[in-house]
PDB file of N, CA and C in Angstrom:
ATOM      1  N   MET A   1       0.723  22.576  23.853  1.00  0.00           N
ATOM      2  CA  MET A   1       1.767  21.942  23.087  1.00  0.00           C
ATOM      3  C   MET A   1       1.240  20.673  22.417  1.00  0.00           C
ATOM      4  N   ILE A   2       0.673  19.740  23.170  1.00  0.00           N
ATOM      5  CA  ILE A   2       0.177  18.499  22.589  1.00  0.00           C
ATOM      6  C   ILE A   2      -0.951  18.788  21.607  1.00  0.00           C
ATOM      7  N   VAL A   3      -1.881  19.614  22.020  1.00  0.00           N
ATOM      8  CA  VAL A   3      -3.042  19.917  21.163  1.00  0.00           C
ATOM      9  C   VAL A   3      -2.592  20.629  19.896  1.00  0.00           C
ATOM     10  N   GLU A   4      -1.673  21.564  20.008  1.00  0.00           N
ATOM     11  CA  GLU A   4      -1.176  22.263  18.814  1.00  0.00           C
ATOM     12  C   GLU A   4      -0.481  21.296  17.863  1.00  0.00           C
ATOM     13  N   ASN A   5       0.272  20.360  18.399  1.00  0.00           N
ATOM     14  CA  ASN A   5       0.933  19.365  17.550  1.00  0.00           C
ATOM     15  C   ASN A   5      -0.096  18.503  16.829  1.00  0.00           C
ATOM     16  N   ILE A   6      -1.149  18.116  17.527  1.00  0.00           N
ATOM     17  CA  ILE A   6      -2.193  17.319  16.902  1.00  0.00           C
ATOM     18  C   ILE A   6      -2.932  18.142  15.851  1.00  0.00           C
ATOM     19  N   LYS A   7      -3.193  19.408  16.137  1.00  0.00           N
ATOM     20  CA  LYS A   7      -3.823  20.279  15.139  1.00  0.00           C
ATOM     21  C   LYS A   7      -2.957  20.377  13.890  1.00  0.00           C
ATOM     22  N   GLY A   8      -1.653  20.490  14.075  1.00  0.00           N
ATOM     23  CA  GLY A   8      -0.740  20.548  12.937  1.00  0.00           C
ATOM     24  C   GLY A   8      -0.782  19.268  12.119  1.00  0.00           C
ATOM     25  N   LEU A   9      -0.816  18.130  12.798  1.00  0.00           N
ATOM     26  CA  LEU A   9      -0.918  16.855  12.098  1.00  0.00           C
ATOM     27  C   LEU A   9      -2.254  16.732  11.365  1.00  0.00           C
ATOM     28  N   CYS A  10      -3.292  17.245  11.983  1.00  0.00           N
ATOM     29  CA  CYS A  10      -4.604  17.242  11.325  1.00  0.00           C
ATOM     30  C   CYS A  10      -4.555  18.072  10.043  1.00  0.00           C
ATOM     31  N   ARG A  11      -3.965  19.249  10.109  1.00  0.00           N
ATOM     32  CA  ARG A  11      -3.848  20.102   8.912  1.00  0.00           C
ATOM     33  C   ARG A  11      -3.077  19.382   7.810  1.00  0.00           C
ATOM     34  N   LEU A  12      -1.973  18.766   8.181  1.00  0.00           N
ATOM     35  CA  LEU A  12      -1.141  18.069   7.193  1.00  0.00           C
ATOM     36  C   LEU A  12      -1.845  16.872   6.568  1.00  0.00           C
ATOM     37  N   ASN A  13      -2.795  16.305   7.309  1.00  0.00           N
ATOM     38  CA  ASN A  13      -3.458  15.091   6.852  1.00  0.00           C
ATOM     39  C   ASN A  13      -4.914  15.296   6.448  1.00  0.00           C
ATOM     40  N   GLY A  14      -5.336  16.537   6.389  1.00  0.00           N
ATOM     41  CA  GLY A  14      -6.694  16.846   5.933  1.00  0.00           C
ATOM     42  C   GLY A  14      -7.797  16.275   6.810  1.00  0.00           C
ATOM     43  N   THR A  15      -7.605  16.355   8.099  1.00  0.00           N
ATOM     44  CA  THR A  15      -8.610  15.861   9.029  1.00  0.00           C
ATOM     45  C   THR A  15      -8.795  16.872  10.146  1.00  0.00           C
ATOM     46  N   ASN A  16      -9.536  16.515  11.172  1.00  0.00           N
ATOM     47  CA  ASN A  16      -9.719  17.424  12.302  1.00  0.00           C
ATOM     48  C   ASN A  16      -9.763  16.624  13.602  1.00  0.00           C
ATOM     49  N   ILE A  17      -9.730  17.336  14.690  1.00  0.00           N
ATOM     50  CA  ILE A  17      -9.668  16.692  16.004  1.00  0.00           C
ATOM     51  C   ILE A  17     -10.916  15.860  16.276  1.00  0.00           C
ATOM     52  N   ASN A  18     -12.083  16.328  15.857  1.00  0.00           N
ATOM     53  CA  ASN A  18     -13.304  15.550  16.082  1.00  0.00           C
ATOM     54  C   ASN A  18     -13.212  14.179  15.430  1.00  0.00           C
ATOM     55  N   ARG A  19     -12.696  14.117  14.218  1.00  0.00           N
ATOM     56  CA  ARG A  19     -12.546  12.829  13.533  1.00  0.00           C
ATOM     57  C   ARG A  19     -11.538  11.932  14.238  1.00  0.00           C
ATOM     58  N   ILE A  20     -10.455  12.550  14.715  1.00  0.00           N
ATOM     59  CA  ILE A  20      -9.426  11.787  15.431  1.00  0.00           C
ATOM     60  C   ILE A  20     -10.036  11.161  16.681  1.00  0.00           C
ATOM     61  N   GLU A  21     -10.807  11.954  17.410  1.00  0.00           N
ATOM     62  CA  GLU A  21     -11.458  11.435  18.621  1.00  0.00           C
ATOM     63  C   GLU A  21     -12.365  10.252  18.286  1.00  0.00           C
ATOM     64  N   MET A  22     -13.136  10.374  17.228  1.00  0.00           N
ATOM     65  CA  MET A  22     -14.039   9.287  16.833  1.00  0.00           C
ATOM     66  C   MET A  22     -13.255   8.045  16.421  1.00  0.00           C
ATOM     67  N   GLN A  23     -12.211   8.223  15.621  1.00  0.00           N
ATOM     68  CA  GLN A  23     -11.418   7.091  15.146  1.00  0.00           C
ATOM     69  C   GLN A  23     -10.708   6.361  16.281  1.00  0.00           C
ATOM     70  N   CYS A  24     -10.310   7.111  17.291  1.00  0.00           N
ATOM     71  CA  CYS A  24      -9.590   6.511  18.420  1.00  0.00           C
ATOM     72  C   CYS A  24     -10.529   6.064  19.539  1.00  0.00           C
ATOM     73  N   GLY A  25     -11.807   6.376  19.425  1.00  0.00           N
ATOM     74  CA  GLY A  25     -12.763   5.991  20.457  1.00  0.00           C
ATOM     75  C   GLY A  25     -12.718   6.852  21.702  1.00  0.00           C
ATOM     76  N   PHE A  26     -12.256   8.104  21.552  1.00  0.00           N
ATOM     77  CA  PHE A  26     -12.200   9.042  22.677  1.00  0.00           C
ATOM     78  C   PHE A  26     -13.510   9.816  22.756  1.00  0.00           C
ATOM     79  N   SER A  27     -13.824  10.329  23.919  1.00  0.00           N
ATOM     80  CA  SER A  27     -15.025  11.138  24.066  1.00  0.00           C
ATOM     81  C   SER A  27     -14.855  12.475  23.344  1.00  0.00           C
ATOM     82  N   HIS A  28     -15.968  13.029  22.893  1.00  0.00           N
ATOM     83  CA  HIS A  28     -15.955  14.299  22.174  1.00  0.00           C
ATOM     84  C   HIS A  28     -15.371  15.399  23.059  1.00  0.00           C
ATOM     85  N   GLY A  29     -14.418  16.137  22.532  1.00  0.00           N
ATOM     86  CA  GLY A  29     -13.808  17.247  23.254  1.00  0.00           C
ATOM     87  C   GLY A  29     -12.647  16.867  24.156  1.00  0.00           C
ATOM     88  N   SER A  30     -12.348  15.581  24.256  1.00  0.00           N
ATOM     89  CA  SER A  30     -11.301  15.167  25.189  1.00  0.00           C
ATOM     90  C   SER A  30      -9.903  15.607  24.758  1.00  0.00           C
ATOM     91  N   VAL A  31      -9.607  15.543  23.461  1.00  0.00           N
ATOM     92  CA  VAL A  31      -8.256  15.887  23.000  1.00  0.00           C
ATOM     93  C   VAL A  31      -7.936  17.346  23.275  1.00  0.00           C
ATOM     94  N   ARG A  32      -8.901  18.223  23.115  1.00  0.00           N
ATOM     95  CA  ARG A  32      -8.657  19.659  23.332  1.00  0.00           C
ATOM     96  C   ARG A  32      -8.290  19.981  24.778  1.00  0.00           C
ATOM     97  N   LYS A  33      -8.538  19.084  25.684  1.00  0.00           N
ATOM     98  CA  LYS A  33      -8.217  19.292  27.103  1.00  0.00           C
ATOM     99  C   LYS A  33      -6.826  18.782  27.478  1.00  0.00           C
ATOM    100  N   TRP A  34      -6.136  18.147  26.538  1.00  0.00           N
ATOM    101  CA  TRP A  34      -4.888  17.470  26.863  1.00  0.00           C
ATOM    102  C   TRP A  34      -3.758  18.392  27.289  1.00  0.00           C
ATOM    103  N   ASP A  35      -3.777  19.643  26.926  1.00  0.00           N
ATOM    104  CA  ASP A  35      -2.720  20.541  27.392  1.00  0.00           C
ATOM    105  C   ASP A  35      -2.856  20.814  28.888  1.00  0.00           C
ATOM    106  N   ASP A  36      -4.096  20.841  29.379  1.00  0.00           N
ATOM    107  CA  ASP A  36      -4.331  21.100  30.800  1.00  0.00           C
ATOM    108  C   ASP A  36      -4.402  19.818  31.627  1.00  0.00           C
ATOM    109  N   ASN A  37      -4.895  18.746  31.011  1.00  0.00           N
ATOM    110  CA  ASN A  37      -5.034  17.449  31.666  1.00  0.00           C
ATOM    111  C   ASN A  37      -4.347  16.403  30.794  1.00  0.00           C
ATOM    112  N   PRO A  38      -3.053  16.194  30.992  1.00  0.00           N
ATOM    113  CA  PRO A  38      -2.303  15.290  30.119  1.00  0.00           C
ATOM    114  C   PRO A  38      -2.942  13.903  30.022  1.00  0.00           C
ATOM    115  N   PRO A  39      -2.979  13.355  28.814  1.00  0.00           N
ATOM    116  CA  PRO A  39      -3.573  12.043  28.595  1.00  0.00           C
ATOM    117  C   PRO A  39      -2.623  10.917  28.992  1.00  0.00           C
ATOM    118  N   SER A  40      -3.156   9.720  29.006  1.00  0.00           N
ATOM    119  CA  SER A  40      -2.295   8.556  29.242  1.00  0.00           C
ATOM    120  C   SER A  40      -1.414   8.346  28.014  1.00  0.00           C
ATOM    121  N   VAL A  41      -0.325   7.670  28.215  1.00  0.00           N
ATOM    122  CA  VAL A  41       0.582   7.376  27.110  1.00  0.00           C
ATOM    123  C   VAL A  41      -0.130   6.532  26.056  1.00  0.00           C
ATOM    124  N   TRP A  42      -1.080   5.716  26.461  1.00  0.00           N
ATOM    125  CA  TRP A  42      -1.809   4.861  25.521  1.00  0.00           C
ATOM    126  C   TRP A  42      -2.674   5.684  24.581  1.00  0.00           C
ATOM    127  N   LYS A  43      -3.244   6.760  25.081  1.00  0.00           N
ATOM    128  CA  LYS A  43      -4.049   7.633  24.219  1.00  0.00           C
ATOM    129  C   LYS A  43      -3.157   8.384  23.235  1.00  0.00           C
ATOM    130  N   VAL A  44      -2.021   8.866  23.711  1.00  0.00           N
ATOM    131  CA  VAL A  44      -1.084   9.548  22.817  1.00  0.00           C
ATOM    132  C   VAL A  44      -0.589   8.576  21.755  1.00  0.00           C
ATOM    133  N   LYS A  45      -0.309   7.346  22.158  1.00  0.00           N
ATOM    134  CA  LYS A  45       0.150   6.335  21.198  1.00  0.00           C
ATOM    135  C   LYS A  45      -0.926   6.038  20.160  1.00  0.00           C
ATOM    136  N   ALA A  46      -2.178   6.011  20.561  1.00  0.00           N
ATOM    137  CA  ALA A  46      -3.266   5.762  19.613  1.00  0.00           C
ATOM    138  C   ALA A  46      -3.301   6.852  18.540  1.00  0.00           C
ATOM    139  N   VAL A  47      -3.132   8.104  18.949  1.00  0.00           N
ATOM    140  CA  VAL A  47      -3.115   9.210  17.991  1.00  0.00           C
ATOM    141  C   VAL A  47      -1.866   9.121  17.109  1.00  0.00           C
ATOM    142  N   ALA A  48      -0.738   8.844  17.719  1.00  0.00           N
ATOM    143  CA  ALA A  48       0.507   8.721  16.955  1.00  0.00           C
ATOM    144  C   ALA A  48       0.394   7.606  15.916  1.00  0.00           C
ATOM    145  N   ASP A  49      -0.142   6.470  16.303  1.00  0.00           N
ATOM    146  CA  ASP A  49      -0.314   5.360  15.374  1.00  0.00           C
ATOM    147  C   ASP A  49      -1.259   5.722  14.237  1.00  0.00           C
ATOM    148  N   LEU A  50      -2.299   6.452  14.555  1.00  0.00           N
ATOM    149  CA  LEU A  50      -3.258   6.871  13.535  1.00  0.00           C
ATOM    150  C   LEU A  50      -2.585   7.721  12.463  1.00  0.00           C
ATOM    151  N   PHE A  51      -1.679   8.594  12.882  1.00  0.00           N
ATOM    152  CA  PHE A  51      -0.976   9.468  11.946  1.00  0.00           C
ATOM    153  C   PHE A  51       0.306   8.849  11.391  1.00  0.00           C
ATOM    154  N   GLY A  52       0.734   7.739  11.960  1.00  0.00           N
ATOM    155  CA  GLY A  52       1.979   7.129  11.511  1.00  0.00           C
ATOM    156  C   GLY A  52       3.208   7.907  11.948  1.00  0.00           C
ATOM    157  N   VAL A  53       3.137   8.494  13.141  1.00  0.00           N
ATOM    158  CA  VAL A  53       4.252   9.242  13.714  1.00  0.00           C
ATOM    159  C   VAL A  53       4.605   8.634  15.068  1.00  0.00           C
ATOM    160  N   THR A  54       5.622   9.164  15.711  1.00  0.00           N
ATOM    161  CA  THR A  54       6.015   8.671  17.031  1.00  0.00           C
ATOM    162  C   THR A  54       5.307   9.449  18.133  1.00  0.00           C
ATOM    163  N   VAL A  55       5.289   8.878  19.309  1.00  0.00           N
ATOM    164  CA  VAL A  55       4.744   9.578  20.475  1.00  0.00           C
ATOM    165  C   VAL A  55       5.502  10.886  20.674  1.00  0.00           C
ATOM    166  N   ASP A  56       6.811  10.861  20.448  1.00  0.00           N
ATOM    167  CA  ASP A  56       7.622  12.071  20.590  1.00  0.00           C
ATOM    168  C   ASP A  56       7.134  13.179  19.663  1.00  0.00           C
ATOM    169  N   ASP A  57       6.698  12.829  18.466  1.00  0.00           N
ATOM    170  CA  ASP A  57       6.163  13.837  17.546  1.00  0.00           C
ATOM    171  C   ASP A  57       4.933  14.531  18.124  1.00  0.00           C
ATOM    172  N   ILE A  58       4.174  13.824  18.917  1.00  0.00           N
ATOM    173  CA  ILE A  58       2.955  14.382  19.513  1.00  0.00           C
ATOM    174  C   ILE A  58       3.289  15.260  20.717  1.00  0.00           C
ATOM    175  N   ILE A  59       4.267  14.854  21.524  1.00  0.00           N
ATOM    176  CA  ILE A  59       4.497  15.560  22.790  1.00  0.00           C
ATOM    177  C   ILE A  59       5.616  16.591  22.749  1.00  0.00           C
ATOM    178  N   ARG A  60       6.368  16.636  21.674  1.00  0.00           N
ATOM    179  CA  ARG A  60       7.501  17.574  21.642  1.00  0.00           C
ATOM    180  C   ARG A  60       7.023  19.023  21.592  1.00  0.00           C
ATOM    181  N   GLU A  61       7.907  19.916  21.978  1.00  0.00           N
ATOM    182  CA  GLU A  61       7.554  21.329  22.059  1.00  0.00           C
ATOM    183  C   GLU A  61       7.651  22.052  20.735  1.00  0.00           C
ATOM    184  N   GLN A  62       8.273  21.434  19.739  1.00  0.00           N
ATOM    185  CA  GLN A  62       8.377  22.055  18.431  1.00  0.00           C
ATOM    186  C   GLN A  62       7.063  21.910  17.667  1.00  0.00           C
ATOM    187  N   THR A  63       6.905  22.688  16.619  1.00  0.00           N
ATOM    188  CA  THR A  63       5.745  22.575  15.761  1.00  0.00           C
ATOM    189  C   THR A  63       5.819  21.302  14.940  1.00  0.00           C
ATOM    190  N   THR A  64       4.685  20.755  14.553  1.00  0.00           N
ATOM    191  CA  THR A  64       4.645  19.527  13.762  1.00  0.00           C
ATOM    192  C   THR A  64       4.586  19.809  12.274  1.00  0.00           C
ATOM    193  N   ASP A  65       4.620  21.066  11.877  1.00  0.00           N
ATOM    194  CA  ASP A  65       4.582  21.395  10.456  1.00  0.00           C
ATOM    195  C   ASP A  65       5.901  21.027   9.815  1.00  0.00           C
ATOM    196  N   ARG A  66       5.940  19.891   9.162  1.00  0.00           N
ATOM    197  CA  ARG A  66       7.171  19.407   8.543  1.00  0.00           C
ATOM    198  C   ARG A  66       7.376  19.986   7.157  1.00  0.00           C
ATOM    199  N   ALA A  67       6.404  20.715   6.653  1.00  0.00           N
ATOM    200  CA  ALA A  67       6.490  21.264   5.313  1.00  0.00           C
ATOM    201  C   ALA A  67       7.479  22.429   5.249  1.00  0.00           C
ATOM    202  N   GLU A  68       7.907  22.897   6.381  1.00  0.00           N
ATOM    203  CA  GLU A  68       8.818  24.050   6.415  1.00  0.00           C
ATOM    204  C   GLU A  68      10.209  23.668   5.994  1.00  0.00           C
TER     205      GLU A  68
END
């Protein structure tokens, strides 16, 4: 759920998870593990701030594709 939402935000913003990890200072491959090993709220907030969305947008169960 979290990873899919981030992937959707990446698609909408023309970026990818590797770039997000670098911009936020996370280790390579860490975001892809977040569905199995939930991150701290601070890490989710860092991603949300980067995209200009809320933490809820990252963790909600709905898709992040707002173009629909």
